[in-house]
Amino acid sequence: MPYELGLECVEELKKIFGTDDLVPIAIRWILMHEAVSVVIPGASRAAQLHENIRAAELPALTDDQMQAVRKLYDRKLRGIIHSQW
């Protein structure tokens, strides 16, 4: 994926979720999928471990947030990365 496009998408995600801290949001998004039974995120500091655990305590993402992420993916990323699955 082109680097600049990745940065654009990150900025849009920050707007969708109203935060600059997307790590817990990403972990929460993964945990919302029925096919996922566990997430193993990396952590090199104790603080990162606590942040990762906090993600499981976040409320479920809203339907509007999920739709906004899907639209972002469809609009900017699908054509570039989806065929690689």
N, C-alpha and C. Protein backbone atom coordinates (compact mmCIF):
# COMPACT_ATOMS: atom_id res chain seq x y z
N MET A 1 0.85 -1.17 0.00
CA MET A 1 0.00 0.00 0.00
C MET A 1 0.90 1.24 0.00
N PRO A 2 0.56 2.22 -0.79
CA PRO A 2 1.33 3.46 -0.79
C PRO A 2 1.32 4.13 0.59
N TYR A 3 2.48 4.54 1.04
CA TYR A 3 2.65 5.13 2.37
C TYR A 3 1.72 6.31 2.61
N GLU A 4 1.68 7.23 1.65
CA GLU A 4 0.85 8.44 1.81
C GLU A 4 -0.63 8.09 1.93
N LEU A 5 -1.07 7.09 1.20
CA LEU A 5 -2.46 6.64 1.30
C LEU A 5 -2.74 6.08 2.69
N GLY A 6 -1.80 5.33 3.22
CA GLY A 6 -1.94 4.81 4.58
C GLY A 6 -2.10 5.93 5.59
N LEU A 7 -1.30 6.98 5.44
CA LEU A 7 -1.40 8.13 6.35
C LEU A 7 -2.75 8.83 6.21
N GLU A 8 -3.26 8.96 4.99
CA GLU A 8 -4.58 9.55 4.77
C GLU A 8 -5.66 8.75 5.50
N CYS A 9 -5.57 7.44 5.38
CA CYS A 9 -6.56 6.57 6.02
C CYS A 9 -6.50 6.68 7.54
N VAL A 10 -5.29 6.76 8.08
CA VAL A 10 -5.14 6.93 9.52
C VAL A 10 -5.80 8.22 9.98
N GLU A 11 -5.61 9.29 9.24
CA GLU A 11 -6.24 10.57 9.61
C GLU A 11 -7.76 10.47 9.56
N GLU A 12 -8.30 9.76 8.59
CA GLU A 12 -9.75 9.58 8.52
C GLU A 12 -10.24 8.73 9.69
N LEU A 13 -9.50 7.70 10.05
CA LEU A 13 -9.88 6.87 11.20
C LEU A 13 -9.87 7.68 12.49
N LYS A 14 -8.90 8.56 12.64
CA LYS A 14 -8.85 9.42 13.83
C LYS A 14 -10.12 10.27 13.92
N LYS A 15 -10.61 10.76 12.78
CA LYS A 15 -11.84 11.55 12.76
C LYS A 15 -13.05 10.69 13.09
N ILE A 16 -13.11 9.49 12.53
CA ILE A 16 -14.24 8.59 12.77
C ILE A 16 -14.37 8.29 14.25
N PHE A 17 -13.24 8.03 14.92
CA PHE A 17 -13.28 7.60 16.32
C PHE A 17 -13.01 8.72 17.31
N GLY A 18 -12.67 9.90 16.83
CA GLY A 18 -12.47 11.04 17.71
C GLY A 18 -11.28 10.89 18.65
N THR A 19 -10.23 10.22 18.18
CA THR A 19 -9.04 10.03 19.00
C THR A 19 -7.82 9.85 18.12
N ASP A 20 -6.67 10.19 18.69
CA ASP A 20 -5.40 9.93 18.01
C ASP A 20 -4.86 8.55 18.37
N ASP A 21 -5.43 7.94 19.41
CA ASP A 21 -4.96 6.63 19.90
C ASP A 21 -5.81 5.52 19.28
N LEU A 22 -5.37 5.04 18.14
CA LEU A 22 -6.14 4.03 17.40
C LEU A 22 -5.83 2.59 17.80
N VAL A 23 -4.78 2.38 18.59
CA VAL A 23 -4.41 1.00 18.95
C VAL A 23 -5.55 0.29 19.68
N PRO A 24 -6.12 0.86 20.75
CA PRO A 24 -7.20 0.14 21.42
C PRO A 24 -8.43 -0.03 20.52
N ILE A 25 -8.66 0.93 19.64
CA ILE A 25 -9.78 0.83 18.71
C ILE A 25 -9.56 -0.34 17.76
N ALA A 26 -8.36 -0.48 17.26
CA ALA A 26 -8.05 -1.58 16.34
C ALA A 26 -8.21 -2.93 17.03
N ILE A 27 -7.74 -3.04 18.26
CA ILE A 27 -7.88 -4.29 19.00
C ILE A 27 -9.35 -4.58 19.26
N ARG A 28 -10.10 -3.56 19.63
CA ARG A 28 -11.55 -3.74 19.90
C ARG A 28 -12.26 -4.18 18.63
N TRP A 29 -11.89 -3.59 17.50
CA TRP A 29 -12.49 -3.96 16.20
C TRP A 29 -12.26 -5.44 15.92
N ILE A 30 -11.05 -5.90 16.15
CA ILE A 30 -10.73 -7.31 15.93
C ILE A 30 -11.55 -8.20 16.86
N LEU A 31 -11.64 -7.81 18.13
CA LEU A 31 -12.38 -8.61 19.10
C LEU A 31 -13.87 -8.72 18.79
N MET A 32 -14.39 -7.81 17.99
CA MET A 32 -15.81 -7.83 17.65
C MET A 32 -16.16 -8.88 16.60
N HIS A 33 -15.19 -9.50 15.98
CA HIS A 33 -15.45 -10.49 14.95
C HIS A 33 -15.62 -11.87 15.57
N GLU A 34 -16.72 -12.52 15.24
CA GLU A 34 -17.05 -13.82 15.82
C GLU A 34 -15.97 -14.88 15.56
N ALA A 35 -15.29 -14.79 14.44
CA ALA A 35 -14.28 -15.79 14.10
C ALA A 35 -13.00 -15.63 14.91
N VAL A 36 -12.88 -14.55 15.65
CA VAL A 36 -11.67 -14.28 16.44
C VAL A 36 -11.90 -14.72 17.88
N SER A 37 -11.02 -15.58 18.36
CA SER A 37 -11.14 -16.01 19.75
C SER A 37 -10.08 -15.38 20.64
N VAL A 38 -9.01 -14.86 20.03
CA VAL A 38 -7.96 -14.24 20.81
C VAL A 38 -7.18 -13.25 19.94
N VAL A 39 -6.67 -12.21 20.56
CA VAL A 39 -5.81 -11.24 19.90
C VAL A 39 -4.49 -11.26 20.65
N ILE A 40 -3.40 -11.32 19.92
CA ILE A 40 -2.07 -11.33 20.56
C ILE A 40 -1.30 -10.11 20.07
N PRO A 41 -1.56 -8.94 20.67
CA PRO A 41 -0.83 -7.75 20.26
C PRO A 41 0.55 -7.71 20.89
N GLY A 42 1.44 -7.03 20.27
CA GLY A 42 2.78 -6.87 20.81
C GLY A 42 2.81 -5.80 21.89
N ALA A 43 3.78 -5.92 22.76
CA ALA A 43 3.99 -4.91 23.79
C ALA A 43 5.45 -5.00 24.23
N SER A 44 6.12 -3.87 24.20
CA SER A 44 7.52 -3.86 24.64
C SER A 44 7.68 -3.14 25.97
N ARG A 45 6.60 -2.58 26.48
CA ARG A 45 6.63 -1.90 27.78
C ARG A 45 5.38 -2.31 28.55
N ALA A 46 5.44 -2.24 29.85
CA ALA A 46 4.28 -2.58 30.69
C ALA A 46 3.10 -1.68 30.36
N ALA A 47 3.35 -0.42 30.08
CA ALA A 47 2.26 0.51 29.75
C ALA A 47 1.51 0.06 28.51
N GLN A 48 2.22 -0.47 27.53
CA GLN A 48 1.56 -0.96 26.32
C GLN A 48 0.68 -2.16 26.64
N LEU A 49 1.12 -3.02 27.51
CA LEU A 49 0.33 -4.16 27.92
C LEU A 49 -0.98 -3.70 28.55
N HIS A 50 -0.91 -2.71 29.42
CA HIS A 50 -2.12 -2.18 30.06
C HIS A 50 -3.04 -1.52 29.05
N GLU A 51 -2.49 -0.83 28.08
CA GLU A 51 -3.30 -0.23 27.02
C GLU A 51 -4.01 -1.30 26.20
N ASN A 52 -3.30 -2.38 25.91
CA ASN A 52 -3.89 -3.47 25.14
C ASN A 52 -5.03 -4.13 25.91
N ILE A 53 -4.85 -4.33 27.20
CA ILE A 53 -5.91 -4.92 28.03
C ILE A 53 -7.12 -3.99 28.07
N ARG A 54 -6.88 -2.70 28.14
CA ARG A 54 -7.96 -1.71 28.18
C ARG A 54 -8.87 -1.82 26.95
N ALA A 55 -8.31 -2.24 25.84
CA ALA A 55 -9.09 -2.34 24.61
C ALA A 55 -10.25 -3.31 24.76
N ALA A 56 -10.05 -4.38 25.51
CA ALA A 56 -11.12 -5.36 25.72
C ALA A 56 -12.25 -4.79 26.56
N GLU A 57 -11.98 -3.75 27.31
CA GLU A 57 -12.98 -3.13 28.16
C GLU A 57 -13.76 -2.02 27.47
N LEU A 58 -13.33 -1.64 26.27
CA LEU A 58 -14.04 -0.60 25.54
C LEU A 58 -15.40 -1.10 25.12
N PRO A 59 -16.38 -0.19 25.02
CA PRO A 59 -17.68 -0.62 24.50
C PRO A 59 -17.54 -1.02 23.03
N ALA A 60 -18.47 -1.83 22.57
CA ALA A 60 -18.48 -2.23 21.17
C ALA A 60 -18.53 -0.98 20.28
N LEU A 61 -17.89 -1.06 19.16
CA LEU A 61 -17.95 0.05 18.20
C LEU A 61 -19.38 0.14 17.69
N THR A 62 -19.82 1.35 17.40
CA THR A 62 -21.19 1.55 16.95
C THR A 62 -21.35 1.12 15.50
N ASP A 63 -22.60 0.90 15.10
CA ASP A 63 -22.88 0.57 13.70
C ASP A 63 -22.38 1.68 12.78
N ASP A 64 -22.56 2.93 13.20
CA ASP A 64 -22.10 4.06 12.38
C ASP A 64 -20.59 4.04 12.21
N GLN A 65 -19.86 3.74 13.28
CA GLN A 65 -18.41 3.65 13.19
C GLN A 65 -17.99 2.51 12.27
N MET A 66 -18.64 1.36 12.43
CA MET A 66 -18.31 0.21 11.58
C MET A 66 -18.59 0.51 10.11
N GLN A 67 -19.69 1.18 9.83
CA GLN A 67 -20.02 1.55 8.45
C GLN A 67 -19.02 2.54 7.90
N ALA A 68 -18.59 3.49 8.73
CA ALA A 68 -17.61 4.48 8.29
C ALA A 68 -16.28 3.82 7.94
N VAL A 69 -15.87 2.84 8.74
CA VAL A 69 -14.63 2.11 8.45
C VAL A 69 -14.79 1.33 7.14
N ARG A 70 -15.93 0.68 6.97
CA ARG A 70 -16.19 -0.09 5.74
C ARG A 70 -16.15 0.83 4.52
N LYS A 71 -16.77 2.00 4.63
CA LYS A 71 -16.78 2.95 3.51
C LYS A 71 -15.37 3.43 3.19
N LEU A 72 -14.57 3.69 4.22
CA LEU A 72 -13.19 4.10 4.01
C LEU A 72 -12.43 2.99 3.29
N TYR A 73 -12.59 1.78 3.75
CA TYR A 73 -11.93 0.64 3.11
C TYR A 73 -12.36 0.52 1.65
N ASP A 74 -13.66 0.56 1.41
CA ASP A 74 -14.17 0.41 0.05
C ASP A 74 -13.69 1.53 -0.86
N ARG A 75 -13.66 2.73 -0.34
CA ARG A 75 -13.31 3.90 -1.15
C ARG A 75 -11.82 4.00 -1.45
N LYS A 76 -10.98 3.67 -0.47
CA LYS A 76 -9.55 3.94 -0.63
C LYS A 76 -8.66 2.71 -0.67
N LEU A 77 -9.09 1.60 -0.12
CA LEU A 77 -8.17 0.48 0.06
C LEU A 77 -8.54 -0.80 -0.69
N ARG A 78 -9.81 -1.05 -0.86
CA ARG A 78 -10.23 -2.31 -1.45
C ARG A 78 -9.52 -2.62 -2.77
N GLY A 79 -9.46 -1.67 -3.67
CA GLY A 79 -8.85 -1.89 -4.96
C GLY A 79 -7.36 -2.21 -4.90
N ILE A 80 -6.72 -1.79 -3.83
CA ILE A 80 -5.27 -1.99 -3.69
C ILE A 80 -4.94 -3.28 -2.96
N ILE A 81 -5.69 -3.61 -1.90
CA ILE A 81 -5.26 -4.72 -1.05
C ILE A 81 -6.19 -5.93 -1.04
N HIS A 82 -7.44 -5.76 -1.41
CA HIS A 82 -8.38 -6.86 -1.25
C HIS A 82 -8.00 -8.09 -2.09
N SER A 83 -7.46 -7.89 -3.23
CA SER A 83 -7.09 -9.02 -4.08
C SER A 83 -5.92 -9.83 -3.50
N GLN A 84 -5.25 -9.30 -2.50
CA GLN A 84 -4.12 -10.00 -1.88
C GLN A 84 -4.55 -10.98 -0.78
N TRP A 85 -5.83 -11.03 -0.48
CA TRP A 85 -6.32 -11.94 0.57
C TRP A 85 -6.33 -13.33 0.08
